[in-house]
C-alpha atoms as a PDB file:
ATOM      1  CA  MET A   1      68.105 115.052-173.483  1.00  0.00           C
ATOM      2  CA  SER A   2      66.836 115.744-176.984  1.00  0.00           C
ATOM      3  CA  ARG A   3      66.154 119.299-178.078  1.00  0.00           C
ATOM      4  CA  ARG A   4      62.508 118.490-178.693  1.00  0.00           C
ATOM      5  CA  ARG A   5      62.088 117.086-175.190  1.00  0.00           C
ATOM      6  CA  ALA A   6      63.846 120.089-173.636  1.00  0.00           C
ATOM      7  CA  LEU A   7      61.542 122.478-175.516  1.00  0.00           C
ATOM      8  CA  SER A   8      58.553 120.473-174.298  1.00  0.00           C
ATOM      9  CA  PHE A   9      59.691 120.866-170.679  1.00  0.00           C
ATOM     10  CA  VAL A  10      60.218 124.608-171.142  1.00  0.00           C
ATOM     11  CA  ALA A  11      56.774 124.997-172.716  1.00  0.00           C
ATOM     12  CA  LEU A  12      55.139 122.933-169.978  1.00  0.00           C
ATOM     13  CA  GLY A  13      56.879 124.996-167.303  1.00  0.00           C
ATOM     14  CA  LEU A  14      55.749 128.247-168.907  1.00  0.00           C
ATOM     15  CA  ILE A  15      52.162 127.037-169.197  1.00  0.00           C
ATOM     16  CA  LEU A  16      52.169 125.841-165.592  1.00  0.00           C
ATOM     17  CA  PHE A  17      53.549 129.199-164.417  1.00  0.00           C
ATOM     18  CA  LEU A  18      50.907 131.136-166.341  1.00  0.00           C
ATOM     19  CA  VAL A  19      48.084 128.920-165.127  1.00  0.00           C
ATOM     20  CA  LEU A  20      49.147 128.981-161.497  1.00  0.00           C
ATOM     21  CA  SER A  21      49.508 132.734-161.516  1.00  0.00           C
ATOM     22  CA  GLY A  22      46.223 133.163-163.376  1.00  0.00           C
ATOM     23  CA  CYS A  23      43.688 132.093-160.783  1.00  0.00           C
ATOM     24  CA  ALA A  24      45.294 131.454-157.410  1.00  0.00           C
ATOM     25  CA  SER A  25      45.278 134.313-154.978  1.00  0.00           C
ATOM     26  CA  THR A  26      45.016 134.871-151.280  1.00  0.00           C
ATOM     27  CA  ALA A  27      42.617 136.969-149.266  1.00  0.00           C
ATOM     28  CA  GLY A  28      42.984 140.669-149.897  1.00  0.00           C
ATOM     29  CA  GLU A  29      44.777 140.341-153.237  1.00  0.00           C
ATOM     30  CA  ASP A  30      43.222 141.474-156.466  1.00  0.00           C
ATOM     31  CA  HIS A  31      41.996 138.926-158.975  1.00  0.00           C
ATOM     32  CA  ALA A  32      41.340 140.480-162.376  1.00  0.00           C
ATOM     33  CA  GLY A  33      40.518 143.803-160.746  1.00  0.00           C
ATOM     34  CA  HIS A  34      38.194 142.386-158.074  1.00  0.00           C
ATOM     35  CA  ALA A  35      38.892 141.811-154.418  1.00  0.00           C
ATOM     36  CA  HIS A  36      39.311 138.124-153.733  1.00  0.00           C
ATOM     37  CA  GLY A  37      36.107 136.567-152.503  1.00  0.00           C
ATOM     38  CA  GLU A  38      33.869 138.928-154.434  1.00  0.00           C
ATOM     39  CA  LEU A  39      34.051 137.478-157.936  1.00  0.00           C
ATOM     40  CA  PRO A  40      30.594 136.832-159.337  1.00  0.00           C
ATOM     41  CA  ASP A  41      30.053 133.800-161.493  1.00  0.00           C
ATOM     42  CA  ASN A  42      28.078 134.396-164.646  1.00  0.00           C
ATOM     43  CA  ILE A  43      25.330 131.784-164.751  1.00  0.00           C
ATOM     44  CA  GLU A  44      23.561 130.524-167.866  1.00  0.00           C
ATOM     45  CA  LEU A  45      20.617 128.134-167.837  1.00  0.00           C
ATOM     46  CA  THR A  46      20.229 125.466-170.504  1.00  0.00           C
ATOM     47  CA  ALA A  47      17.463 122.876-170.819  1.00  0.00           C
ATOM     48  CA  SER A  48      19.815 119.939-170.169  1.00  0.00           C
ATOM     49  CA  ALA A  49      23.449 118.917-169.873  1.00  0.00           C
ATOM     50  CA  ASP A  50      23.365 118.088-173.576  1.00  0.00           C
ATOM     51  CA  VAL A  51      23.017 121.806-174.339  1.00  0.00           C
ATOM     52  CA  LEU A  52      26.194 123.673-173.466  1.00  0.00           C
ATOM     53  CA  PRO A  53      26.036 127.347-172.484  1.00  0.00           C
ATOM     54  CA  SER A  54      26.512 129.971-175.168  1.00  0.00           C
ATOM     55  CA  PHE A  55      29.362 131.667-173.263  1.00  0.00           C
ATOM     56  CA  LEU A  56      31.556 128.736-174.345  1.00  0.00           C
ATOM     57  CA  GLU A  57      31.533 130.158-177.876  1.00  0.00           C
ATOM     58  CA  ASN A  58      34.300 132.463-176.620  1.00  0.00           C
ATOM     59  CA  PHE A  59      36.514 129.581-175.457  1.00  0.00           C
ATOM     60  CA  THR A  60      38.586 126.811-176.996  1.00  0.00           C
ATOM     61  CA  ASP A  61      37.299 123.467-178.185  1.00  0.00           C
ATOM     62  CA  THR A  62      39.222 121.895-175.307  1.00  0.00           C
ATOM     63  CA  THR A  63      37.312 123.981-172.756  1.00  0.00           C
ATOM     64  CA  LYS A  64      34.031 123.051-174.461  1.00  0.00           C
ATOM     65  CA  GLU A  65      35.021 119.379-174.299  1.00  0.00           C
ATOM     66  CA  PHE A  66      35.712 119.597-170.560  1.00  0.00           C
ATOM     67  CA  TYR A  67      32.344 121.270-169.967  1.00  0.00           C
ATOM     68  CA  SER A  68      30.599 118.563-171.998  1.00  0.00           C
ATOM     69  CA  GLN A  69      31.984 115.931-169.598  1.00  0.00           C
ATOM     70  CA  VAL A  70      31.379 117.654-166.243  1.00  0.00           C
ATOM     71  CA  TYR A  71      27.763 116.526-165.805  1.00  0.00           C
ATOM     72  CA  ALA A  72      28.615 112.888-166.519  1.00  0.00           C
ATOM     73  CA  HIS A  73      31.398 112.994-163.893  1.00  0.00           C
ATOM     74  CA  ALA A  74      29.378 114.915-161.293  1.00  0.00           C
ATOM     75  CA  ASP A  75      29.620 112.161-158.671  1.00  0.00           C
ATOM     76  CA  ILE A  76      33.425 112.427-158.718  1.00  0.00           C
ATOM     77  CA  LEU A  77      33.808 116.197-159.195  1.00  0.00           C
ATOM     78  CA  LYS A  78      31.485 116.916-156.252  1.00  0.00           C
ATOM     79  CA  GLU A  79      33.988 115.073-154.041  1.00  0.00           C
ATOM     80  CA  LEU A  80      37.014 117.141-155.092  1.00  0.00           C
ATOM     81  CA  ASN A  81      38.323 120.421-153.722  1.00  0.00           C
ATOM     82  CA  CYS A  82      39.223 123.197-156.095  1.00  0.00           C
ATOM     83  CA  TYR A  83      42.521 124.911-155.393  1.00  0.00           C
ATOM     84  CA  CYS A  84      42.140 128.148-157.358  1.00  0.00           C
ATOM     85  CA  GLY A  85      40.802 130.068-154.378  1.00  0.00           C
ATOM     86  CA  CYS A  86      37.076 129.880-155.201  1.00  0.00           C
ATOM     87  CA  MET A  87      36.372 127.828-152.092  1.00  0.00           C
ATOM     88  CA  GLU A  88      37.278 130.990-150.131  1.00  0.00           C
ATOM     89  CA  TYR A  89      34.800 133.330-151.887  1.00  0.00           C
ATOM     90  CA  ASN A  90      32.121 135.167-149.922  1.00  0.00           C
ATOM     91  CA  ASP A  91      29.771 132.710-151.664  1.00  0.00           C
ATOM     92  CA  PRO A  92      32.238 129.812-151.779  1.00  0.00           C
ATOM     93  CA  HIS A  93      32.251 126.954-154.202  1.00  0.00           C
ATOM     94  CA  ASP A  94      31.845 123.671-152.357  1.00  0.00           C
ATOM     95  CA  SER A  95      33.663 121.500-154.899  1.00  0.00           C
ATOM     96  CA  LEU A  96      35.344 121.402-158.295  1.00  0.00           C
ATOM     97  CA  TYR A  97      31.927 120.576-159.790  1.00  0.00           C
ATOM     98  CA  ARG A  98      30.630 123.984-158.681  1.00  0.00           C
ATOM     99  CA  CYS A  99      33.290 125.692-160.803  1.00  0.00           C
ATOM    100  CA  PHE A 100      31.386 124.470-163.876  1.00  0.00           C
ATOM    101  CA  ILE A 101      27.802 123.818-162.799  1.00  0.00           C
ATOM    102  CA  ALA A 102      26.098 125.979-160.175  1.00  0.00           C
ATOM    103  CA  GLY A 103      23.137 123.624-159.915  1.00  0.00           C
ATOM    104  CA  VAL A 104      20.620 121.408-161.641  1.00  0.00           C
ATOM    105  CA  ASP A 105      16.869 121.666-161.123  1.00  0.00           C
ATOM    106  CA  ASP A 106      13.565 121.227-162.970  1.00  0.00           C
ATOM    107  CA  ASP A 107      14.454 124.203-165.174  1.00  0.00           C
ATOM    108  CA  GLY A 108      17.682 122.612-166.386  1.00  0.00           C
ATOM    109  CA  VAL A 109      21.411 123.042-165.820  1.00  0.00           C
ATOM    110  CA  HIS A 110      22.737 126.279-164.352  1.00  0.00           C
ATOM    111  CA  TRP A 111      26.220 126.573-165.895  1.00  0.00           C
ATOM    112  CA  THR A 112      28.836 128.907-164.474  1.00  0.00           C
ATOM    113  CA  ASP A 113      31.630 130.467-166.501  1.00  0.00           C
ATOM    114  CA  HIS A 114      34.122 130.331-163.621  1.00  0.00           C
ATOM    115  CA  GLY A 115      35.808 127.106-164.743  1.00  0.00           C
ATOM    116  CA  ALA A 116      36.089 128.262-168.344  1.00  0.00           C
ATOM    117  CA  SER A 117      38.276 131.199-167.417  1.00  0.00           C
ATOM    118  CA  CYS A 118      40.363 129.531-164.709  1.00  0.00           C
ATOM    119  CA  GLY A 119      43.399 127.499-165.696  1.00  0.00           C
ATOM    120  CA  ILE A 120      43.613 125.660-162.382  1.00  0.00           C
ATOM    121  CA  CYS A 121      39.970 124.562-162.583  1.00  0.00           C
ATOM    122  CA  LEU A 122      40.508 123.367-166.151  1.00  0.00           C
ATOM    123  CA  MET A 123      43.646 121.416-165.260  1.00  0.00           C
ATOM    124  CA  GLU A 124      41.969 119.826-162.256  1.00  0.00           C
ATOM    125  CA  VAL A 125      38.886 118.775-164.230  1.00  0.00           C
ATOM    126  CA  ARG A 126      41.081 117.483-167.058  1.00  0.00           C
ATOM    127  CA  ASP A 127      43.054 115.314-164.652  1.00  0.00           C
ATOM    128  CA  ALA A 128      39.990 114.135-162.728  1.00  0.00           C
ATOM    129  CA  ILE A 129      38.174 113.048-165.883  1.00  0.00           C
ATOM    130  CA  LYS A 130      41.283 111.335-167.275  1.00  0.00           C
ATOM    131  CA  LEU A 131      41.820 109.416-164.030  1.00  0.00           C
ATOM    132  CA  ALA A 132      38.125 108.466-163.838  1.00  0.00           C
ATOM    133  CA  ASP A 133      38.264 107.188-167.410  1.00  0.00           C
ATOM    134  CA  GLU A 134      41.296 105.094-166.404  1.00  0.00           C
ATOM    135  CA  GLY A 135      39.170 103.454-163.718  1.00  0.00           C
ATOM    136  CA  LYS A 136      40.656 105.220-160.678  1.00  0.00           C
ATOM    137  CA  THR A 137      38.499 105.445-157.549  1.00  0.00           C
ATOM    138  CA  VAL A 138      37.214 108.711-156.118  1.00  0.00           C
ATOM    139  CA  ASP A 139      39.748 108.399-153.281  1.00  0.00           C
ATOM    140  CA  GLU A 140      42.624 107.884-155.729  1.00  0.00           C
ATOM    141  CA  ILE A 141      41.500 110.854-157.811  1.00  0.00           C
ATOM    142  CA  ARG A 142      41.084 113.069-154.731  1.00  0.00           C
ATOM    143  CA  ASP A 143      44.552 112.095-153.489  1.00  0.00           C
ATOM    144  CA  TYR A 144      46.066 112.962-156.870  1.00  0.00           C
ATOM    145  CA  ILE A 145      44.257 116.321-157.107  1.00  0.00           C
ATOM    146  CA  ASP A 146      45.183 117.239-153.527  1.00  0.00           C
ATOM    147  CA  ARG A 147      48.853 116.312-154.042  1.00  0.00           C
ATOM    148  CA  THR A 148      49.119 118.016-157.411  1.00  0.00           C
ATOM    149  CA  TYR A 149      47.180 121.230-156.840  1.00  0.00           C
ATOM    150  CA  GLY A 150      46.982 121.585-153.054  1.00  0.00           C
ATOM    151  CA  GLU A 151      50.166 123.646-152.893  1.00  0.00           C
ATOM    152  CA  THR A 152      48.624 126.335-155.118  1.00  0.00           C
ATOM    153  CA  ALA A 153      46.190 127.232-152.354  1.00  0.00           C
ATOM    154  CA  ALA A 154      49.073 128.369-150.153  1.00  0.00           C
ATOM    155  CA  THR A 155      50.635 130.613-152.825  1.00  0.00           C
END
């Protein structure tokens, strides 16, 4: 194996470790100083999905890009579980979509910052959008997400 490839595997492993330890938790454990299930999402309203929330100014261009695609992929993301633990909150998220958008109404889009600060949510949405763009069905995408991230829920 080439040195470059070996370094890539080490870097990928380190990133995966950091991401998986960054958001997944079980009931009763602390999550950034809060008891699991009590994390509030910060919500920001914008006039439309074309106007991203200002809290994204504190995040990477990659995170902003994912947020810019969530609304367009709503039909798929609403069908996917999130495996970071947010579906176990006192006010649980009902899908991966909810990690990024809390709702849409006549006032506009109610964005949540949860997904921006959660590595698992970001990896799941990245993979879901990539697979959708490759023409995969919702069932194929769900199967992939469940197989890839489902184990994190048990850790």
